[in-house]
Amino acid sequence: MKAVRFTRYGGPEVLDLVDVEAPHAGPGQVRVAVRAAGVNALEWRIRAGHMQHLRPLALPAGIGGDAAGIVDEVGEGVVDVRIGDAVFGSGEETYAEHAVLTSWTAKPDKVSFEEAAGCPTPFETALRLLDDEGVGGGHTILLNGAAGGVGTVAVQFAVDRGATVIGVAGPANQDYVASLGAVPVTYGPGLVERVRDLAPGGVDFAFDLAGSGVLPELVELTGGAERVVSIADVGAADLGVRFSMGFHREKVPALREGARLAEAGRMTLPVTRTFPLAEAGAAQAASATGHVRGRIVVTVP
């Protein structure tokens, strides 16, 4: 089968489309014929070598963690899917014609394979952040980076729970953030004052999804570093802010909850750009700009 692999750390150019042996589903796993794979920031950071201390690799290695496709092999002990089912979920080396998933759920009929492929990591990340802080009805939260993949679904999950959401985004994305159900506000100097005008009762929790250097302002708005969480600023601990990672977290509940809302028409995660498998490097380069509304995905014919 064709798969994207790299033999050394570096820029997007180190990714090659090569012929490799197809993987097989082990116990508790399924294999899918991949229709599309989501592009996450973690993947280009792994490829660039930024994550060696946390996720050391034996090179050459494949890349990719999210996918949507058709189940074509079911591992021992799996009883909730059959060959031919359309699913989306997470596994390893998903930039490929076939990939093994360790977490999955049924793809809603109204959601395309491309849209579904972009969902697993944002679903898990957004719900992890909200659940860990106990966000619910009556809370006012601030999302820094509300127009990105995680931000888009975090707004919708939080609104579904009854929270009031203030979404920080660039000028071009103000209407988009509002369409998701958040109160939009722009980045830049004066953020604290703008947010206080919008939320005179204060902000209960703030989540940094963009890593744009605003943690001091988020701490000021919430009244304490313990009410701020980042997934994007590796210097968060210097300010007493928790840095949240999803390694070894169970994703299935988040996949099912996101799928439930999508089926009900209360969850959307638009695909901004698609790239063919052979252009995975270009897809990661686009992701690395950090100015993406919604999701980027790699498609497999």
C-alpha atoms as a PDB file:
ATOM      1  CA  MET A   1       0.000   0.000   0.000  1.00  0.00           C
ATOM      2  CA  LYS A   2       0.986   3.668  -0.273  1.00  0.00           C
ATOM      3  CA  ALA A   3       1.848   5.507   2.925  1.00  0.00           C
ATOM      4  CA  VAL A   4       3.577   8.734   3.953  1.00  0.00           C
ATOM      5  CA  ARG A   5       6.794   8.172   5.886  1.00  0.00           C
ATOM      6  CA  PHE A   6       9.936  10.051   6.897  1.00  0.00           C
ATOM      7  CA  THR A   7      13.490   8.843   7.509  1.00  0.00           C
ATOM      8  CA  ARG A   8      14.812  11.948   9.281  1.00  0.00           C
ATOM      9  CA  TYR A   9      13.445  14.882  11.219  1.00  0.00           C
ATOM     10  CA  GLY A  10      13.032  18.126   9.348  1.00  0.00           C
ATOM     11  CA  GLY A  11      10.690  20.279   7.275  1.00  0.00           C
ATOM     12  CA  PRO A  12       7.732  19.159   5.151  1.00  0.00           C
ATOM     13  CA  GLU A  13      10.134  17.999   2.455  1.00  0.00           C
ATOM     14  CA  VAL A  14      11.188  14.966   4.548  1.00  0.00           C
ATOM     15  CA  LEU A  15       7.771  13.361   4.004  1.00  0.00           C
ATOM     16  CA  ASP A  16       7.717  10.814   1.181  1.00  0.00           C
ATOM     17  CA  LEU A  17       4.939   8.696  -0.305  1.00  0.00           C
ATOM     18  CA  VAL A  18       6.294   5.147  -0.422  1.00  0.00           C
ATOM     19  CA  ASP A  19       5.181   1.528  -0.754  1.00  0.00           C
ATOM     20  CA  VAL A  20       4.979  -0.365   2.546  1.00  0.00           C
ATOM     21  CA  GLU A  21       3.338  -3.493   3.891  1.00  0.00           C
ATOM     22  CA  ALA A  22      -0.247  -2.928   4.999  1.00  0.00           C
ATOM     23  CA  PRO A  23      -0.825  -3.112   8.780  1.00  0.00           C
ATOM     24  CA  HIS A  24      -3.256  -5.549  10.372  1.00  0.00           C
ATOM     25  CA  ALA A  25      -5.756  -5.109  13.180  1.00  0.00           C
ATOM     26  CA  GLY A  26      -4.661  -6.565  16.498  1.00  0.00           C
ATOM     27  CA  PRO A  27      -6.930  -7.424  19.440  1.00  0.00           C
ATOM     28  CA  GLY A  28      -9.321  -4.576  20.175  1.00  0.00           C
ATOM     29  CA  GLN A  29      -8.458  -2.774  16.946  1.00  0.00           C
ATOM     30  CA  VAL A  30      -9.945  -2.255  13.505  1.00  0.00           C
ATOM     31  CA  ARG A  31      -8.285  -1.547  10.185  1.00  0.00           C
ATOM     32  CA  VAL A  32      -9.836   0.920   7.764  1.00  0.00           C
ATOM     33  CA  ALA A  33      -9.443   1.677   4.108  1.00  0.00           C
ATOM     34  CA  VAL A  34      -8.665   5.350   4.683  1.00  0.00           C
ATOM     35  CA  ARG A  35     -10.754   7.897   2.822  1.00  0.00           C
ATOM     36  CA  ALA A  36      -9.300  10.931   4.601  1.00  0.00           C
ATOM     37  CA  ALA A  37      -6.862  11.716   7.417  1.00  0.00           C
ATOM     38  CA  GLY A  38      -6.974  14.742   9.690  1.00  0.00           C
ATOM     39  CA  VAL A  39      -3.947  17.052   9.907  1.00  0.00           C
ATOM     40  CA  ASN A  40      -3.035  18.043  13.466  1.00  0.00           C
ATOM     41  CA  ALA A  41      -0.371  20.428  14.736  1.00  0.00           C
ATOM     42  CA  LEU A  42       1.115  17.613  16.820  1.00  0.00           C
ATOM     43  CA  GLU A  43       2.032  15.753  13.637  1.00  0.00           C
ATOM     44  CA  TRP A  44       4.190  18.442  12.081  1.00  0.00           C
ATOM     45  CA  ARG A  45       5.816  19.007  15.471  1.00  0.00           C
ATOM     46  CA  ILE A  46       6.642  15.278  15.614  1.00  0.00           C
ATOM     47  CA  ARG A  47       8.013  15.381  12.054  1.00  0.00           C
ATOM     48  CA  ALA A  48      10.150  18.426  12.871  1.00  0.00           C
ATOM     49  CA  GLY A  49      11.643  16.664  15.915  1.00  0.00           C
ATOM     50  CA  HIS A  50      10.065  18.956  18.509  1.00  0.00           C
ATOM     51  CA  MET A  51       8.469  16.076  20.395  1.00  0.00           C
ATOM     52  CA  GLN A  52      11.417  13.660  20.648  1.00  0.00           C
ATOM     53  CA  HIS A  53      11.572  14.005  24.436  1.00  0.00           C
ATOM     54  CA  LEU A  54       7.922  12.949  24.757  1.00  0.00           C
ATOM     55  CA  ARG A  55       7.423  10.653  21.757  1.00  0.00           C
ATOM     56  CA  PRO A  56      10.750   9.234  20.580  1.00  0.00           C
ATOM     57  CA  LEU A  57      10.477   7.430  17.252  1.00  0.00           C
ATOM     58  CA  ALA A  58      12.398   4.674  15.562  1.00  0.00           C
ATOM     59  CA  LEU A  59      12.932   6.065  12.070  1.00  0.00           C
ATOM     60  CA  PRO A  60      11.765   5.531   9.393  1.00  0.00           C
ATOM     61  CA  ALA A  61       8.255   6.139  10.696  1.00  0.00           C
ATOM     62  CA  GLY A  62       4.788   6.890   9.452  1.00  0.00           C
ATOM     63  CA  ILE A  63       2.747   9.897  10.471  1.00  0.00           C
ATOM     64  CA  GLY A  64      -0.842  10.798  11.281  1.00  0.00           C
ATOM     65  CA  GLY A  65      -3.265  10.091  14.096  1.00  0.00           C
ATOM     66  CA  ASP A  66      -6.837  10.652  12.850  1.00  0.00           C
ATOM     67  CA  ALA A  67      -8.769   9.086   9.991  1.00  0.00           C
ATOM     68  CA  ALA A  68     -12.150   8.244   8.547  1.00  0.00           C
ATOM     69  CA  GLY A  69     -12.771   5.271   6.315  1.00  0.00           C
ATOM     70  CA  ILE A  70     -14.378   1.891   5.749  1.00  0.00           C
ATOM     71  CA  VAL A  71     -13.634  -0.983   8.119  1.00  0.00           C
ATOM     72  CA  ASP A  72     -11.945  -3.802   6.197  1.00  0.00           C
ATOM     73  CA  GLU A  73     -10.471  -5.837   9.052  1.00  0.00           C
ATOM     74  CA  VAL A  74     -11.718  -6.425  12.605  1.00  0.00           C
ATOM     75  CA  GLY A  75      -9.438  -7.499  15.431  1.00  0.00           C
ATOM     76  CA  GLU A  76     -10.139 -10.096  18.089  1.00  0.00           C
ATOM     77  CA  GLY A  77     -12.664  -8.989  20.682  1.00  0.00           C
ATOM     78  CA  VAL A  78     -14.189  -6.161  18.635  1.00  0.00           C
ATOM     79  CA  VAL A  79     -17.976  -6.498  18.566  1.00  0.00           C
ATOM     80  CA  ASP A  80     -19.341  -3.006  17.802  1.00  0.00           C
ATOM     81  CA  VAL A  81     -18.432  -2.801  14.096  1.00  0.00           C
ATOM     82  CA  ARG A  82     -18.396  -5.024  11.049  1.00  0.00           C
ATOM     83  CA  ILE A  83     -16.462  -5.057   7.802  1.00  0.00           C
ATOM     84  CA  GLY A  84     -17.979  -2.431   5.526  1.00  0.00           C
ATOM     85  CA  ASP A  85     -18.959   0.020   8.289  1.00  0.00           C
ATOM     86  CA  ALA A  86     -18.019   3.675   7.916  1.00  0.00           C
ATOM     87  CA  VAL A  87     -16.173   4.942  10.995  1.00  0.00           C
ATOM     88  CA  PHE A  88     -13.897   7.740  12.164  1.00  0.00           C
ATOM     89  CA  GLY A  89     -11.368   7.703  14.939  1.00  0.00           C
ATOM     90  CA  SER A  90      -7.732   7.677  15.978  1.00  0.00           C
ATOM     91  CA  GLY A  91      -4.776   5.348  15.615  1.00  0.00           C
ATOM     92  CA  GLU A  92      -1.276   5.532  14.193  1.00  0.00           C
ATOM     93  CA  GLU A  93       0.246   6.296  10.797  1.00  0.00           C
ATOM     94  CA  THR A  94      -3.070   7.318   9.283  1.00  0.00           C
ATOM     95  CA  TYR A  95      -1.566   9.162   6.296  1.00  0.00           C
ATOM     96  CA  ALA A  96      -1.875   5.942   4.343  1.00  0.00           C
ATOM     97  CA  GLU A  97      -4.216   3.848   2.221  1.00  0.00           C
ATOM     98  CA  HIS A  98      -4.890   1.574   5.209  1.00  0.00           C
ATOM     99  CA  ALA A  99      -4.553   2.352   8.913  1.00  0.00           C
ATOM    100  CA  VAL A 100      -5.245   0.653  12.225  1.00  0.00           C
ATOM    101  CA  LEU A 101      -7.536   2.516  14.627  1.00  0.00           C
ATOM    102  CA  THR A 102      -7.539   2.033  18.382  1.00  0.00           C
ATOM    103  CA  SER A 103     -10.487   4.382  19.046  1.00  0.00           C
ATOM    104  CA  TRP A 104     -13.471   4.813  16.740  1.00  0.00           C
ATOM    105  CA  THR A 105     -17.186   5.332  16.402  1.00  0.00           C
ATOM    106  CA  ALA A 106     -19.691   5.223  13.581  1.00  0.00           C
ATOM    107  CA  LYS A 107     -19.530   8.085  11.095  1.00  0.00           C
ATOM    108  CA  PRO A 108     -22.813  10.006  10.980  1.00  0.00           C
ATOM    109  CA  ASP A 109     -24.447   9.711   7.564  1.00  0.00           C
ATOM    110  CA  LYS A 110     -24.734  13.475   7.155  1.00  0.00           C
ATOM    111  CA  VAL A 111     -20.997  13.988   7.789  1.00  0.00           C
ATOM    112  CA  SER A 112     -18.564  13.452   4.902  1.00  0.00           C
ATOM    113  CA  PHE A 113     -15.411  11.348   5.265  1.00  0.00           C
ATOM    114  CA  GLU A 114     -13.335  14.522   4.925  1.00  0.00           C
ATOM    115  CA  GLU A 115     -15.256  16.285   7.694  1.00  0.00           C
ATOM    116  CA  ALA A 116     -15.176  13.222   9.962  1.00  0.00           C
ATOM    117  CA  ALA A 117     -11.413  12.778   9.513  1.00  0.00           C
ATOM    118  CA  GLY A 118     -10.815  16.229  10.958  1.00  0.00           C
ATOM    119  CA  CYS A 119     -12.833  15.577  14.115  1.00  0.00           C
ATOM    120  CA  PRO A 120     -11.211  12.998  16.451  1.00  0.00           C
ATOM    121  CA  THR A 121      -8.403  15.047  18.012  1.00  0.00           C
ATOM    122  CA  PRO A 122     -10.450  18.279  18.262  1.00  0.00           C
ATOM    123  CA  PHE A 123     -13.343  16.360  19.844  1.00  0.00           C
ATOM    124  CA  GLU A 124     -11.090  14.717  22.441  1.00  0.00           C
ATOM    125  CA  THR A 125      -9.130  17.884  23.170  1.00  0.00           C
ATOM    126  CA  ALA A 126     -12.141  20.159  23.527  1.00  0.00           C
ATOM    127  CA  LEU A 127     -14.080  17.815  25.787  1.00  0.00           C
ATOM    128  CA  ARG A 128     -10.982  17.062  27.883  1.00  0.00           C
ATOM    129  CA  LEU A 129     -10.534  20.766  28.583  1.00  0.00           C
ATOM    130  CA  LEU A 130     -14.183  21.363  29.419  1.00  0.00           C
ATOM    131  CA  ASP A 131     -14.533  18.198  31.522  1.00  0.00           C
ATOM    132  CA  ASP A 132     -11.331  18.734  33.474  1.00  0.00           C
ATOM    133  CA  GLU A 133     -12.558  22.177  34.579  1.00  0.00           C
ATOM    134  CA  GLY A 134     -16.183  21.127  35.023  1.00  0.00           C
ATOM    135  CA  VAL A 135     -17.537  23.683  32.564  1.00  0.00           C
ATOM    136  CA  GLY A 136     -21.320  23.711  32.477  1.00  0.00           C
ATOM    137  CA  GLY A 137     -24.424  25.838  32.547  1.00  0.00           C
ATOM    138  CA  GLY A 138     -23.997  29.260  34.119  1.00  0.00           C
ATOM    139  CA  HIS A 139     -20.257  29.474  33.442  1.00  0.00           C
ATOM    140  CA  THR A 140     -18.650  32.119  31.264  1.00  0.00           C
ATOM    141  CA  ILE A 141     -15.536  30.903  29.490  1.00  0.00           C
ATOM    142  CA  LEU A 142     -12.978  32.476  27.180  1.00  0.00           C
ATOM    143  CA  LEU A 143     -11.484  30.555  24.254  1.00  0.00           C
ATOM    144  CA  ASN A 144      -8.319  32.015  22.777  1.00  0.00           C
ATOM    145  CA  GLY A 145      -8.173  30.672  19.220  1.00  0.00           C
ATOM    146  CA  ALA A 146     -11.886  30.055  18.788  1.00  0.00           C
ATOM    147  CA  ALA A 147     -11.836  29.751  14.982  1.00  0.00           C
ATOM    148  CA  GLY A 148      -9.392  26.833  14.779  1.00  0.00           C
ATOM    149  CA  GLY A 149     -10.311  23.158  14.827  1.00  0.00           C
ATOM    150  CA  VAL A 150     -10.305  22.697  18.611  1.00  0.00           C
ATOM    151  CA  GLY A 151     -11.836  26.129  19.146  1.00  0.00           C
ATOM    152  CA  THR A 152     -14.653  25.486  16.702  1.00  0.00           C
ATOM    153  CA  VAL A 153     -15.816  22.339  18.474  1.00  0.00           C
ATOM    154  CA  ALA A 154     -15.079  23.674  21.971  1.00  0.00           C
ATOM    155  CA  VAL A 155     -17.453  26.564  21.346  1.00  0.00           C
ATOM    156  CA  GLN A 156     -20.208  24.177  20.286  1.00  0.00           C
ATOM    157  CA  PHE A 157     -19.655  21.677  23.110  1.00  0.00           C
ATOM    158  CA  ALA A 158     -19.672  24.490  25.681  1.00  0.00           C
ATOM    159  CA  VAL A 159     -22.764  26.169  24.241  1.00  0.00           C
ATOM    160  CA  ASP A 160     -24.534  22.797  24.241  1.00  0.00           C
ATOM    161  CA  ARG A 161     -23.781  22.577  27.975  1.00  0.00           C
ATOM    162  CA  GLY A 162     -25.317  25.969  28.595  1.00  0.00           C
ATOM    163  CA  ALA A 163     -22.121  27.972  29.057  1.00  0.00           C
ATOM    164  CA  THR A 164     -21.580  31.482  27.733  1.00  0.00           C
ATOM    165  CA  VAL A 165     -18.560  31.522  25.422  1.00  0.00           C
ATOM    166  CA  ILE A 166     -16.377  34.460  24.470  1.00  0.00           C
ATOM    167  CA  GLY A 167     -14.275  33.528  21.452  1.00  0.00           C
ATOM    168  CA  VAL A 168     -11.033  35.304  20.615  1.00  0.00           C
ATOM    169  CA  ALA A 169     -10.240  35.300  16.892  1.00  0.00           C
ATOM    170  CA  GLY A 170      -8.844  37.466  14.123  1.00  0.00           C
ATOM    171  CA  PRO A 171     -10.922  40.184  12.438  1.00  0.00           C
ATOM    172  CA  ALA A 172     -11.763  37.956   9.459  1.00  0.00           C
ATOM    173  CA  ASN A 173     -13.230  35.267  11.728  1.00  0.00           C
ATOM    174  CA  GLN A 174     -15.526  37.351  13.927  1.00  0.00           C
ATOM    175  CA  ASP A 175     -18.689  36.432  12.034  1.00  0.00           C
ATOM    176  CA  TYR A 176     -17.630  32.785  11.892  1.00  0.00           C
ATOM    177  CA  VAL A 177     -17.126  32.596  15.662  1.00  0.00           C
ATOM    178  CA  ALA A 178     -20.493  34.270  16.204  1.00  0.00           C
ATOM    179  CA  SER A 179     -22.156  31.717  13.908  1.00  0.00           C
ATOM    180  CA  LEU A 180     -20.933  28.945  16.230  1.00  0.00           C
ATOM    181  CA  GLY A 181     -22.726  30.492  19.192  1.00  0.00           C
ATOM    182  CA  ALA A 182     -19.910  32.468  20.836  1.00  0.00           C
ATOM    183  CA  VAL A 183     -19.546  36.177  21.516  1.00  0.00           C
ATOM    184  CA  PRO A 184     -16.591  37.155  19.295  1.00  0.00           C
ATOM    185  CA  VAL A 185     -13.740  39.433  20.319  1.00  0.00           C
ATOM    186  CA  THR A 186     -10.516  40.337  18.501  1.00  0.00           C
ATOM    187  CA  TYR A 187      -6.917  39.668  19.457  1.00  0.00           C
ATOM    188  CA  GLY A 188      -4.444  42.411  20.304  1.00  0.00           C
ATOM    189  CA  PRO A 189      -3.819  45.210  22.790  1.00  0.00           C
ATOM    190  CA  GLY A 190      -6.817  46.024  24.940  1.00  0.00           C
ATOM    191  CA  LEU A 191      -8.078  42.427  25.058  1.00  0.00           C
ATOM    192  CA  VAL A 192      -8.673  42.538  28.821  1.00  0.00           C
ATOM    193  CA  GLU A 193     -10.792  45.674  28.558  1.00  0.00           C
ATOM    194  CA  ARG A 194     -12.784  44.355  25.592  1.00  0.00           C
ATOM    195  CA  VAL A 195     -13.563  41.102  27.376  1.00  0.00           C
ATOM    196  CA  ARG A 196     -14.569  42.870  30.582  1.00  0.00           C
ATOM    197  CA  ASP A 197     -16.999  44.995  28.591  1.00  0.00           C
ATOM    198  CA  LEU A 198     -18.529  41.802  27.183  1.00  0.00           C
ATOM    199  CA  ALA A 199     -18.527  39.912  30.497  1.00  0.00           C
ATOM    200  CA  PRO A 200     -18.976  42.386  33.351  1.00  0.00           C
ATOM    201  CA  GLY A 201     -19.693  39.452  35.663  1.00  0.00           C
ATOM    202  CA  GLY A 202     -16.241  38.025  35.007  1.00  0.00           C
ATOM    203  CA  VAL A 203     -14.749  34.995  33.281  1.00  0.00           C
ATOM    204  CA  ASP A 204     -14.816  31.655  35.102  1.00  0.00           C
ATOM    205  CA  PHE A 205     -12.276  29.773  32.952  1.00  0.00           C
ATOM    206  CA  ALA A 206      -9.997  30.626  30.034  1.00  0.00           C
ATOM    207  CA  PHE A 207      -8.495  28.211  27.531  1.00  0.00           C
ATOM    208  CA  ASP A 208      -5.498  29.054  25.364  1.00  0.00           C
ATOM    209  CA  LEU A 209      -5.792  27.106  22.125  1.00  0.00           C
ATOM    210  CA  ALA A 210      -3.528  29.310  20.000  1.00  0.00           C
ATOM    211  CA  GLY A 211      -0.333  29.947  21.959  1.00  0.00           C
ATOM    212  CA  SER A 212      -0.333  33.618  20.986  1.00  0.00           C
ATOM    213  CA  GLY A 213       1.305  34.931  24.153  1.00  0.00           C
ATOM    214  CA  VAL A 214      -1.840  36.038  25.977  1.00  0.00           C
ATOM    215  CA  LEU A 215      -1.571  33.910  29.129  1.00  0.00           C
ATOM    216  CA  PRO A 216      -0.921  36.910  31.420  1.00  0.00           C
ATOM    217  CA  GLU A 217      -4.112  38.529  30.151  1.00  0.00           C
ATOM    218  CA  LEU A 218      -6.081  35.300  30.638  1.00  0.00           C
ATOM    219  CA  VAL A 219      -4.823  35.002  34.212  1.00  0.00           C
ATOM    220  CA  GLU A 220      -5.842  38.618  34.843  1.00  0.00           C
ATOM    221  CA  LEU A 221      -9.320  38.038  33.422  1.00  0.00           C
ATOM    222  CA  THR A 222     -10.008  34.883  35.431  1.00  0.00           C
ATOM    223  CA  GLY A 223      -8.356  36.068  38.630  1.00  0.00           C
ATOM    224  CA  GLY A 224      -5.944  33.157  38.945  1.00  0.00           C
ATOM    225  CA  ALA A 225      -3.616  30.880  36.987  1.00  0.00           C
ATOM    226  CA  GLU A 226      -5.493  27.839  38.278  1.00  0.00           C
ATOM    227  CA  ARG A 227      -8.462  28.884  36.104  1.00  0.00           C
ATOM    228  CA  VAL A 228      -6.434  28.968  32.882  1.00  0.00           C
ATOM    229  CA  VAL A 229      -5.379  25.999  30.732  1.00  0.00           C
ATOM    230  CA  SER A 230      -3.230  25.967  27.596  1.00  0.00           C
ATOM    231  CA  ILE A 231      -2.718  23.375  24.902  1.00  0.00           C
ATOM    232  CA  ALA A 232      -0.419  25.583  22.832  1.00  0.00           C
ATOM    233  CA  ASP A 233       1.989  27.582  25.026  1.00  0.00           C
ATOM    234  CA  VAL A 234       4.811  25.356  26.286  1.00  0.00           C
ATOM    235  CA  GLY A 235       5.859  28.114  28.691  1.00  0.00           C
ATOM    236  CA  ALA A 236       2.545  27.931  30.530  1.00  0.00           C
ATOM    237  CA  ALA A 237       4.058  26.444  33.673  1.00  0.00           C
ATOM    238  CA  ASP A 238       6.219  29.542  34.145  1.00  0.00           C
ATOM    239  CA  LEU A 239       3.007  31.427  34.919  1.00  0.00           C
ATOM    240  CA  GLY A 240       1.480  28.628  36.971  1.00  0.00           C
ATOM    241  CA  VAL A 241      -0.861  27.708  34.116  1.00  0.00           C
ATOM    242  CA  ARG A 242      -1.531  24.030  33.433  1.00  0.00           C
ATOM    243  CA  PHE A 243      -0.462  22.665  30.056  1.00  0.00           C
ATOM    244  CA  SER A 244      -2.884  19.956  28.981  1.00  0.00           C
ATOM    245  CA  MET A 245      -1.939  16.998  26.767  1.00  0.00           C
ATOM    246  CA  GLY A 246      -4.089  14.121  25.590  1.00  0.00           C
ATOM    247  CA  PHE A 247      -1.555  11.289  25.562  1.00  0.00           C
ATOM    248  CA  HIS A 248      -3.167   8.026  26.700  1.00  0.00           C
ATOM    249  CA  ARG A 249      -6.593   9.618  27.143  1.00  0.00           C
ATOM    250  CA  GLU A 250      -9.634   7.552  26.134  1.00  0.00           C
ATOM    251  CA  LYS A 251     -11.187   9.136  23.027  1.00  0.00           C
ATOM    252  CA  VAL A 252     -14.293   7.041  22.407  1.00  0.00           C
ATOM    253  CA  PRO A 253     -16.666   9.021  24.699  1.00  0.00           C
ATOM    254  CA  ALA A 254     -15.660  12.275  22.975  1.00  0.00           C
ATOM    255  CA  LEU A 255     -16.058  10.721  19.520  1.00  0.00           C
ATOM    256  CA  ARG A 256     -19.538   9.503  20.398  1.00  0.00           C
ATOM    257  CA  GLU A 257     -20.597  12.803  21.947  1.00  0.00           C
ATOM    258  CA  GLY A 258     -19.364  14.763  18.923  1.00  0.00           C
ATOM    259  CA  ALA A 259     -21.065  12.337  16.554  1.00  0.00           C
ATOM    260  CA  ARG A 260     -24.315  12.663  18.528  1.00  0.00           C
ATOM    261  CA  LEU A 261     -24.293  16.437  18.232  1.00  0.00           C
ATOM    262  CA  ALA A 262     -23.332  16.280  14.544  1.00  0.00           C
ATOM    263  CA  GLU A 263     -26.222  13.900  13.839  1.00  0.00           C
ATOM    264  CA  ALA A 264     -28.541  16.321  15.636  1.00  0.00           C
ATOM    265  CA  GLY A 265     -27.254  19.256  13.584  1.00  0.00           C
ATOM    266  CA  ARG A 266     -25.601  20.944  16.577  1.00  0.00           C
ATOM    267  CA  MET A 267     -21.956  20.280  15.680  1.00  0.00           C
ATOM    268  CA  THR A 268     -20.010  21.278  12.597  1.00  0.00           C
ATOM    269  CA  LEU A 269     -16.293  21.343  11.841  1.00  0.00           C
ATOM    270  CA  PRO A 270     -15.735  22.696   8.337  1.00  0.00           C
ATOM    271  CA  VAL A 271     -12.866  21.518   6.169  1.00  0.00           C
ATOM    272  CA  THR A 272     -10.964  24.538   4.892  1.00  0.00           C
ATOM    273  CA  ARG A 273      -8.523  22.754   2.586  1.00  0.00           C
ATOM    274  CA  THR A 274      -7.873  19.257   1.308  1.00  0.00           C
ATOM    275  CA  PHE A 275      -4.623  17.831  -0.043  1.00  0.00           C
ATOM    276  CA  PRO A 276      -4.009  14.507  -1.786  1.00  0.00           C
ATOM    277  CA  LEU A 277      -1.895  11.956   0.061  1.00  0.00           C
ATOM    278  CA  ALA A 278       1.127  12.739  -2.109  1.00  0.00           C
ATOM    279  CA  GLU A 279       1.023  16.358  -0.860  1.00  0.00           C
ATOM    280  CA  ALA A 280       0.981  15.607   2.858  1.00  0.00           C
ATOM    281  CA  GLY A 281       3.985  17.876   3.363  1.00  0.00           C
ATOM    282  CA  ALA A 282       2.091  20.822   1.892  1.00  0.00           C
ATOM    283  CA  ALA A 283      -0.856  19.996   4.135  1.00  0.00           C
ATOM    284  CA  GLN A 284       1.353  20.116   7.212  1.00  0.00           C
ATOM    285  CA  ALA A 285       2.975  23.345   6.048  1.00  0.00           C
ATOM    286  CA  ALA A 286      -0.470  24.924   5.758  1.00  0.00           C
ATOM    287  CA  SER A 287      -1.352  23.682   9.250  1.00  0.00           C
ATOM    288  CA  ALA A 288       1.863  25.108  10.679  1.00  0.00           C
ATOM    289  CA  THR A 289       0.908  28.668   9.679  1.00  0.00           C
ATOM    290  CA  GLY A 290      -1.554  28.662  12.566  1.00  0.00           C
ATOM    291  CA  HIS A 291      -4.096  30.723  10.612  1.00  0.00           C
ATOM    292  CA  VAL A 292      -6.540  28.003   9.648  1.00  0.00           C
ATOM    293  CA  ARG A 293     -10.296  28.236  10.114  1.00  0.00           C
ATOM    294  CA  GLY A 294     -11.695  24.774  10.743  1.00  0.00           C
ATOM    295  CA  ARG A 295      -9.635  21.842   9.496  1.00  0.00           C
ATOM    296  CA  ILE A 296      -7.124  20.660   6.905  1.00  0.00           C
ATOM    297  CA  VAL A 297      -7.303  17.047   5.754  1.00  0.00           C
ATOM    298  CA  VAL A 298      -5.400  14.675   3.507  1.00  0.00           C
ATOM    299  CA  THR A 299      -7.554  12.659   1.140  1.00  0.00           C
ATOM    300  CA  VAL A 300      -7.004   9.143  -0.166  1.00  0.00           C
ATOM    301  CA  PRO A 301      -8.593   8.167  -3.523  1.00  0.00           C
END
